[in-house]
């Protein structure tokens, strides 16, 4: 949840010691952070990795995490999609107007400039069909899991995602669906099964 800052810091360290791996946060809880902060933090990682960064964006789930931005809790998913659009505009080098401290708007661009022209984005979803469709509409990739949904339940959601991509001018086959699988590793299979 609140770990958006540490995720970019850890990713900076990974960027410094690797040359080929993709560096992807899963997940940045977008409604907990200012869009300019996200754009700048991840542009820095993009520079240090020579263009290997991507993020998975989540809307958040734990009310206690929203102490950073309590005004966003009631409309977190909408804020996530709105801020992703702003982040992409800043990433592309546009000036974006934000409310300033004196009540007047302030137009800013972010630095450093990233290596990639567009930030690759995955949308994290636990199983809400509407979120699959929205991810397809904006041309994002998907990050999901099998906690609370079966493979059989997941299949029509992915189909709806690909249909939404096609209906909004995105190649339906190019969207990546990443499935998180939790793994418990140990020395002995019987001990692992007993612990799990």
C-alpha atoms as a PDB file:
ATOM      1  CA  UNK A   1       0.000   0.000   0.000  1.00  0.00           C
ATOM      2  CA  UNK A   2       2.111   2.894   1.290  1.00  0.00           C
ATOM      3  CA  UNK A   3       5.236   1.262  -0.123  1.00  0.00           C
ATOM      4  CA  UNK A   4       5.193   3.225  -3.409  1.00  0.00           C
ATOM      5  CA  UNK A   5       8.271   5.183  -2.343  1.00  0.00           C
ATOM      6  CA  UNK A   6      10.205   2.104  -1.247  1.00  0.00           C
ATOM      7  CA  UNK A   7       9.264   0.241  -4.445  1.00  0.00           C
ATOM      8  CA  UNK A   8      10.917   2.910  -6.580  1.00  0.00           C
ATOM      9  CA  UNK A   9      13.931   3.013  -4.225  1.00  0.00           C
ATOM     10  CA  UNK A  10      14.356  -0.777  -4.383  1.00  0.00           C
ATOM     11  CA  UNK A  11      13.897  -0.634  -8.163  1.00  0.00           C
ATOM     12  CA  UNK A  12      16.667   1.980  -8.340  1.00  0.00           C
ATOM     13  CA  UNK A  13      19.008  -0.473  -6.614  1.00  0.00           C
ATOM     14  CA  UNK A  14      17.941  -3.287  -8.970  1.00  0.00           C
ATOM     15  CA  UNK A  15      18.534  -1.007 -11.976  1.00  0.00           C
ATOM     16  CA  UNK A  16      22.071  -0.310 -10.794  1.00  0.00           C
ATOM     17  CA  UNK A  17      23.100  -3.970 -10.525  1.00  0.00           C
ATOM     18  CA  UNK A  18      21.342  -5.458 -13.587  1.00  0.00           C
ATOM     19  CA  UNK A  19      21.516  -4.961 -17.321  1.00  0.00           C
ATOM     20  CA  UNK A  20      18.801  -7.112 -18.932  1.00  0.00           C
ATOM     21  CA  UNK A  21      15.877  -7.797 -16.582  1.00  0.00           C
ATOM     22  CA  UNK A  22      12.679  -5.802 -16.757  1.00  0.00           C
ATOM     23  CA  UNK A  23      12.051  -3.785 -13.621  1.00  0.00           C
ATOM     24  CA  UNK A  24       8.396  -3.717 -12.718  1.00  0.00           C
ATOM     25  CA  UNK A  25       6.602  -2.671  -9.562  1.00  0.00           C
ATOM     26  CA  UNK A  26       3.593  -4.718  -8.622  1.00  0.00           C
ATOM     27  CA  UNK A  27       1.793  -2.747  -7.456  1.00  0.00           C
ATOM     28  CA  UNK A  28       1.991   1.029  -7.118  1.00  0.00           C
ATOM     29  CA  UNK A  29      -1.172   2.079  -5.279  1.00  0.00           C
ATOM     30  CA  UNK A  30      -1.691   5.164  -7.435  1.00  0.00           C
ATOM     31  CA  UNK A  31      -4.382   6.944  -5.337  1.00  0.00           C
ATOM     32  CA  UNK A  32      -1.950   7.153  -2.404  1.00  0.00           C
ATOM     33  CA  UNK A  33       0.581   9.325  -4.263  1.00  0.00           C
ATOM     34  CA  UNK A  34       0.660  12.522  -6.302  1.00  0.00           C
ATOM     35  CA  UNK A  35       0.845  11.830 -10.051  1.00  0.00           C
ATOM     36  CA  UNK A  36       3.933  14.044 -10.465  1.00  0.00           C
ATOM     37  CA  UNK A  37       5.707  12.132  -7.702  1.00  0.00           C
ATOM     38  CA  UNK A  38       5.005   8.799  -9.410  1.00  0.00           C
ATOM     39  CA  UNK A  39       6.105  10.102 -12.821  1.00  0.00           C
ATOM     40  CA  UNK A  40       9.378  11.525 -11.485  1.00  0.00           C
ATOM     41  CA  UNK A  41      10.283   8.563  -9.273  1.00  0.00           C
ATOM     42  CA  UNK A  42       9.753   6.009 -12.010  1.00  0.00           C
ATOM     43  CA  UNK A  43      11.383   8.206 -14.695  1.00  0.00           C
ATOM     44  CA  UNK A  44      14.518   8.148 -12.523  1.00  0.00           C
ATOM     45  CA  UNK A  45      14.403   4.349 -12.431  1.00  0.00           C
ATOM     46  CA  UNK A  46      13.803   4.330 -16.201  1.00  0.00           C
ATOM     47  CA  UNK A  47      16.964   6.395 -16.674  1.00  0.00           C
ATOM     48  CA  UNK A  48      19.086   4.275 -14.366  1.00  0.00           C
ATOM     49  CA  UNK A  49      17.868   1.085 -16.064  1.00  0.00           C
ATOM     50  CA  UNK A  50      18.193   2.489 -19.597  1.00  0.00           C
ATOM     51  CA  UNK A  51      14.482   2.063 -20.320  1.00  0.00           C
ATOM     52  CA  UNK A  52      13.589  -1.188 -18.533  1.00  0.00           C
ATOM     53  CA  UNK A  53      10.910   0.061 -16.116  1.00  0.00           C
ATOM     54  CA  UNK A  54       7.175  -0.663 -15.972  1.00  0.00           C
ATOM     55  CA  UNK A  55       4.573  -0.454 -13.222  1.00  0.00           C
ATOM     56  CA  UNK A  56       1.490  -2.339 -12.187  1.00  0.00           C
ATOM     57  CA  UNK A  57      -1.057   0.156 -10.893  1.00  0.00           C
ATOM     58  CA  UNK A  58      -3.523  -0.691  -8.141  1.00  0.00           C
ATOM     59  CA  UNK A  59      -6.400   1.290  -6.703  1.00  0.00           C
ATOM     60  CA  UNK A  60      -5.790   0.216  -3.108  1.00  0.00           C
ATOM     61  CA  UNK A  61      -7.834  -1.817  -0.690  1.00  0.00           C
ATOM     62  CA  UNK A  62      -6.870  -1.185   2.948  1.00  0.00           C
ATOM     63  CA  UNK A  63      -8.588   1.859   4.472  1.00  0.00           C
ATOM     64  CA  UNK A  64      -5.657   2.425   6.849  1.00  0.00           C
ATOM     65  CA  UNK A  65      -3.280   2.936   3.892  1.00  0.00           C
ATOM     66  CA  UNK A  66      -5.351   5.916   2.792  1.00  0.00           C
ATOM     67  CA  UNK A  67      -4.124   8.010   5.703  1.00  0.00           C
ATOM     68  CA  UNK A  68      -1.774   9.497   3.085  1.00  0.00           C
ATOM     69  CA  UNK A  69      -4.661  10.570   0.834  1.00  0.00           C
ATOM     70  CA  UNK A  70      -7.936  10.008   2.720  1.00  0.00           C
ATOM     71  CA  UNK A  71      -9.889  12.058   0.177  1.00  0.00           C
ATOM     72  CA  UNK A  72      -9.186   9.366  -2.449  1.00  0.00           C
ATOM     73  CA  UNK A  73     -10.549   6.352  -0.569  1.00  0.00           C
ATOM     74  CA  UNK A  74     -14.187   6.562  -1.727  1.00  0.00           C
ATOM     75  CA  UNK A  75     -13.293   6.862  -5.393  1.00  0.00           C
ATOM     76  CA  UNK A  76      -9.926   5.097  -5.471  1.00  0.00           C
ATOM     77  CA  UNK A  77     -10.388   3.219  -8.755  1.00  0.00           C
ATOM     78  CA  UNK A  78     -11.522   6.342 -10.594  1.00  0.00           C
ATOM     79  CA  UNK A  79      -8.572   8.288  -9.140  1.00  0.00           C
ATOM     80  CA  UNK A  80      -6.210   5.509 -10.263  1.00  0.00           C
ATOM     81  CA  UNK A  81      -7.369   5.711 -13.893  1.00  0.00           C
ATOM     82  CA  UNK A  82      -7.432   9.541 -13.872  1.00  0.00           C
ATOM     83  CA  UNK A  83      -3.921   9.742 -12.417  1.00  0.00           C
ATOM     84  CA  UNK A  84      -2.549   7.120 -14.814  1.00  0.00           C
ATOM     85  CA  UNK A  85      -3.619   9.386 -17.668  1.00  0.00           C
ATOM     86  CA  UNK A  86      -1.860  12.341 -15.994  1.00  0.00           C
ATOM     87  CA  UNK A  87       1.262  10.232 -15.348  1.00  0.00           C
ATOM     88  CA  UNK A  88       1.397   9.246 -19.032  1.00  0.00           C
ATOM     89  CA  UNK A  89       1.058  12.907 -20.079  1.00  0.00           C
ATOM     90  CA  UNK A  90       3.877  13.933 -17.735  1.00  0.00           C
ATOM     91  CA  UNK A  91       5.928  10.944 -18.914  1.00  0.00           C
ATOM     92  CA  UNK A  92       5.516  12.162 -22.514  1.00  0.00           C
ATOM     93  CA  UNK A  93       6.860  15.610 -21.577  1.00  0.00           C
ATOM     94  CA  UNK A  94       3.591  17.544 -21.374  1.00  0.00           C
ATOM     95  CA  UNK A  95       2.985  20.378 -18.929  1.00  0.00           C
ATOM     96  CA  UNK A  96       0.067  19.546 -16.623  1.00  0.00           C
ATOM     97  CA  UNK A  97      -1.843  22.002 -14.406  1.00  0.00           C
ATOM     98  CA  UNK A  98      -2.293  21.122 -10.729  1.00  0.00           C
ATOM     99  CA  UNK A  99      -3.934  23.082  -7.901  1.00  0.00           C
ATOM    100  CA  UNK A 100      -1.310  25.277  -6.260  1.00  0.00           C
ATOM    101  CA  UNK A 101      -0.829  26.241  -2.616  1.00  0.00           C
ATOM    102  CA  UNK A 102      -2.329  29.712  -3.173  1.00  0.00           C
ATOM    103  CA  UNK A 103      -5.459  28.454  -4.887  1.00  0.00           C
ATOM    104  CA  UNK A 104      -4.199  29.185  -8.398  1.00  0.00           C
ATOM    105  CA  UNK A 105      -3.242  26.344 -10.720  1.00  0.00           C
ATOM    106  CA  UNK A 106       0.410  25.661 -11.440  1.00  0.00           C
ATOM    107  CA  UNK A 107       1.556  24.055 -14.693  1.00  0.00           C
ATOM    108  CA  UNK A 108       4.529  21.754 -14.345  1.00  0.00           C
ATOM    109  CA  UNK A 109       6.552  19.248 -16.286  1.00  0.00           C
ATOM    110  CA  UNK A 110       8.515  16.520 -14.556  1.00  0.00           C
ATOM    111  CA  UNK A 111      12.222  15.730 -14.523  1.00  0.00           C
ATOM    112  CA  UNK A 112      14.186  13.684 -15.236  1.00  0.00           C
ATOM    113  CA  UNK A 113      12.896  12.874 -18.685  1.00  0.00           C
ATOM    114  CA  UNK A 114      12.436   9.089 -19.032  1.00  0.00           C
ATOM    115  CA  UNK A 115      14.130   6.919 -21.659  1.00  0.00           C
ATOM    116  CA  UNK A 116      10.916   5.222 -22.841  1.00  0.00           C
ATOM    117  CA  UNK A 117       8.389   7.334 -24.715  1.00  0.00           C
ATOM    118  CA  UNK A 118       5.482   5.701 -22.824  1.00  0.00           C
ATOM    119  CA  UNK A 119       5.438   4.058 -19.411  1.00  0.00           C
ATOM    120  CA  UNK A 120       4.384   0.407 -19.747  1.00  0.00           C
ATOM    121  CA  UNK A 121       1.462  -0.163 -17.359  1.00  0.00           C
ATOM    122  CA  UNK A 122      -0.270  -3.217 -15.924  1.00  0.00           C
ATOM    123  CA  UNK A 123      -3.570  -2.804 -14.065  1.00  0.00           C
ATOM    124  CA  UNK A 124      -3.777  -4.901 -10.914  1.00  0.00           C
ATOM    125  CA  UNK A 125      -7.182  -6.495 -10.408  1.00  0.00           C
ATOM    126  CA  UNK A 126      -8.411  -9.038  -7.918  1.00  0.00           C
ATOM    127  CA  UNK A 127     -11.301 -10.165 -10.075  1.00  0.00           C
ATOM    128  CA  UNK A 128     -13.691  -7.285 -10.773  1.00  0.00           C
ATOM    129  CA  UNK A 129     -14.856  -7.722 -14.397  1.00  0.00           C
ATOM    130  CA  UNK A 130     -15.264  -3.951 -14.808  1.00  0.00           C
ATOM    131  CA  UNK A 131     -11.559  -3.434 -14.063  1.00  0.00           C
ATOM    132  CA  UNK A 132     -10.565  -5.988 -16.729  1.00  0.00           C
ATOM    133  CA  UNK A 133     -12.662  -4.078 -19.262  1.00  0.00           C
ATOM    134  CA  UNK A 134     -11.274  -0.676 -18.201  1.00  0.00           C
ATOM    135  CA  UNK A 135      -7.715  -1.992 -18.507  1.00  0.00           C
ATOM    136  CA  UNK A 136      -8.508  -3.162 -22.035  1.00  0.00           C
ATOM    137  CA  UNK A 137     -10.075   0.168 -22.954  1.00  0.00           C
ATOM    138  CA  UNK A 138      -6.907   2.111 -22.075  1.00  0.00           C
ATOM    139  CA  UNK A 139      -4.588  -0.445 -23.690  1.00  0.00           C
ATOM    140  CA  UNK A 140      -2.931  -1.490 -20.426  1.00  0.00           C
ATOM    141  CA  UNK A 141      -1.711  -4.957 -19.504  1.00  0.00           C
ATOM    142  CA  UNK A 142      -3.222  -6.980 -16.620  1.00  0.00           C
ATOM    143  CA  UNK A 143      -1.858  -8.302 -13.325  1.00  0.00           C
ATOM    144  CA  UNK A 144      -4.173 -10.676 -11.460  1.00  0.00           C
ATOM    145  CA  UNK A 145      -4.112 -13.766  -9.255  1.00  0.00           C
ATOM    146  CA  UNK A 146      -6.067 -16.857  -8.281  1.00  0.00           C
ATOM    147  CA  UNK A 147      -7.019 -15.741  -4.766  1.00  0.00           C
ATOM    148  CA  UNK A 148     -10.798 -15.689  -4.773  1.00  0.00           C
ATOM    149  CA  UNK A 149     -11.176 -16.627  -8.430  1.00  0.00           C
ATOM    150  CA  UNK A 150     -10.617 -19.885 -10.295  1.00  0.00           C
ATOM    151  CA  UNK A 151      -9.050 -20.435 -13.706  1.00  0.00           C
ATOM    152  CA  UNK A 152     -12.575 -21.084 -15.008  1.00  0.00           C
ATOM    153  CA  UNK A 153     -13.775 -17.730 -13.629  1.00  0.00           C
ATOM    154  CA  UNK A 154     -10.711 -15.954 -14.981  1.00  0.00           C
ATOM    155  CA  UNK A 155     -11.165 -17.071 -18.620  1.00  0.00           C
ATOM    156  CA  UNK A 156     -14.286 -14.954 -19.437  1.00  0.00           C
ATOM    157  CA  UNK A 157     -12.702 -11.932 -17.724  1.00  0.00           C
ATOM    158  CA  UNK A 158      -9.638 -12.186 -19.964  1.00  0.00           C
ATOM    159  CA  UNK A 159     -11.948 -12.580 -22.969  1.00  0.00           C
ATOM    160  CA  UNK A 160     -13.788  -9.370 -21.941  1.00  0.00           C
ATOM    161  CA  UNK A 161     -10.402  -7.623 -21.530  1.00  0.00           C
ATOM    162  CA  UNK A 162      -9.283  -8.609 -25.044  1.00  0.00           C
ATOM    163  CA  UNK A 163     -12.668  -7.569 -26.502  1.00  0.00           C
ATOM    164  CA  UNK A 164     -12.390  -4.135 -24.831  1.00  0.00           C
ATOM    165  CA  UNK A 165      -8.863  -3.725 -26.232  1.00  0.00           C
ATOM    166  CA  UNK A 166     -10.121  -4.441 -29.756  1.00  0.00           C
ATOM    167  CA  UNK A 167     -13.148  -2.136 -29.398  1.00  0.00           C
ATOM    168  CA  UNK A 168     -10.859   0.752 -28.361  1.00  0.00           C
ATOM    169  CA  UNK A 169      -8.278   0.397 -31.130  1.00  0.00           C
ATOM    170  CA  UNK A 170      -5.688  -1.695 -29.284  1.00  0.00           C
ATOM    171  CA  UNK A 171      -4.326  -4.982 -30.591  1.00  0.00           C
ATOM    172  CA  UNK A 172      -6.247  -7.554 -28.538  1.00  0.00           C
ATOM    173  CA  UNK A 173      -3.421 -10.102 -28.783  1.00  0.00           C
ATOM    174  CA  UNK A 174      -0.665  -7.770 -27.573  1.00  0.00           C
ATOM    175  CA  UNK A 175      -2.032  -7.120 -24.083  1.00  0.00           C
ATOM    176  CA  UNK A 176      -0.089  -9.153 -21.533  1.00  0.00           C
ATOM    177  CA  UNK A 177      -1.950 -10.944 -18.759  1.00  0.00           C
ATOM    178  CA  UNK A 178       0.342 -11.711 -15.828  1.00  0.00           C
ATOM    179  CA  UNK A 179      -0.910 -14.175 -13.229  1.00  0.00           C
ATOM    180  CA  UNK A 180       0.614 -14.055  -9.758  1.00  0.00           C
ATOM    181  CA  UNK A 181       0.999 -17.468  -8.194  1.00  0.00           C
ATOM    182  CA  UNK A 182       2.032 -17.715  -4.567  1.00  0.00           C
ATOM    183  CA  UNK A 183       4.745 -20.273  -3.891  1.00  0.00           C
ATOM    184  CA  UNK A 184       6.018 -21.802  -0.673  1.00  0.00           C
ATOM    185  CA  UNK A 185       9.512 -23.263  -1.055  1.00  0.00           C
ATOM    186  CA  UNK A 186      11.245 -25.690   1.260  1.00  0.00           C
ATOM    187  CA  UNK A 187      13.739 -28.527   1.411  1.00  0.00           C
ATOM    188  CA  UNK A 188      11.181 -31.341   1.680  1.00  0.00           C
ATOM    189  CA  UNK A 189       7.862 -31.685  -0.183  1.00  0.00           C
ATOM    190  CA  UNK A 190       6.117 -33.329   2.771  1.00  0.00           C
ATOM    191  CA  UNK A 191       7.232 -30.532   5.125  1.00  0.00           C
ATOM    192  CA  UNK A 192       6.098 -27.881   2.637  1.00  0.00           C
ATOM    193  CA  UNK A 193       2.672 -29.509   2.262  1.00  0.00           C
ATOM    194  CA  UNK A 194       2.314 -29.743   6.043  1.00  0.00           C
ATOM    195  CA  UNK A 195       3.248 -26.051   6.483  1.00  0.00           C
ATOM    196  CA  UNK A 196       0.951 -24.870   3.713  1.00  0.00           C
END
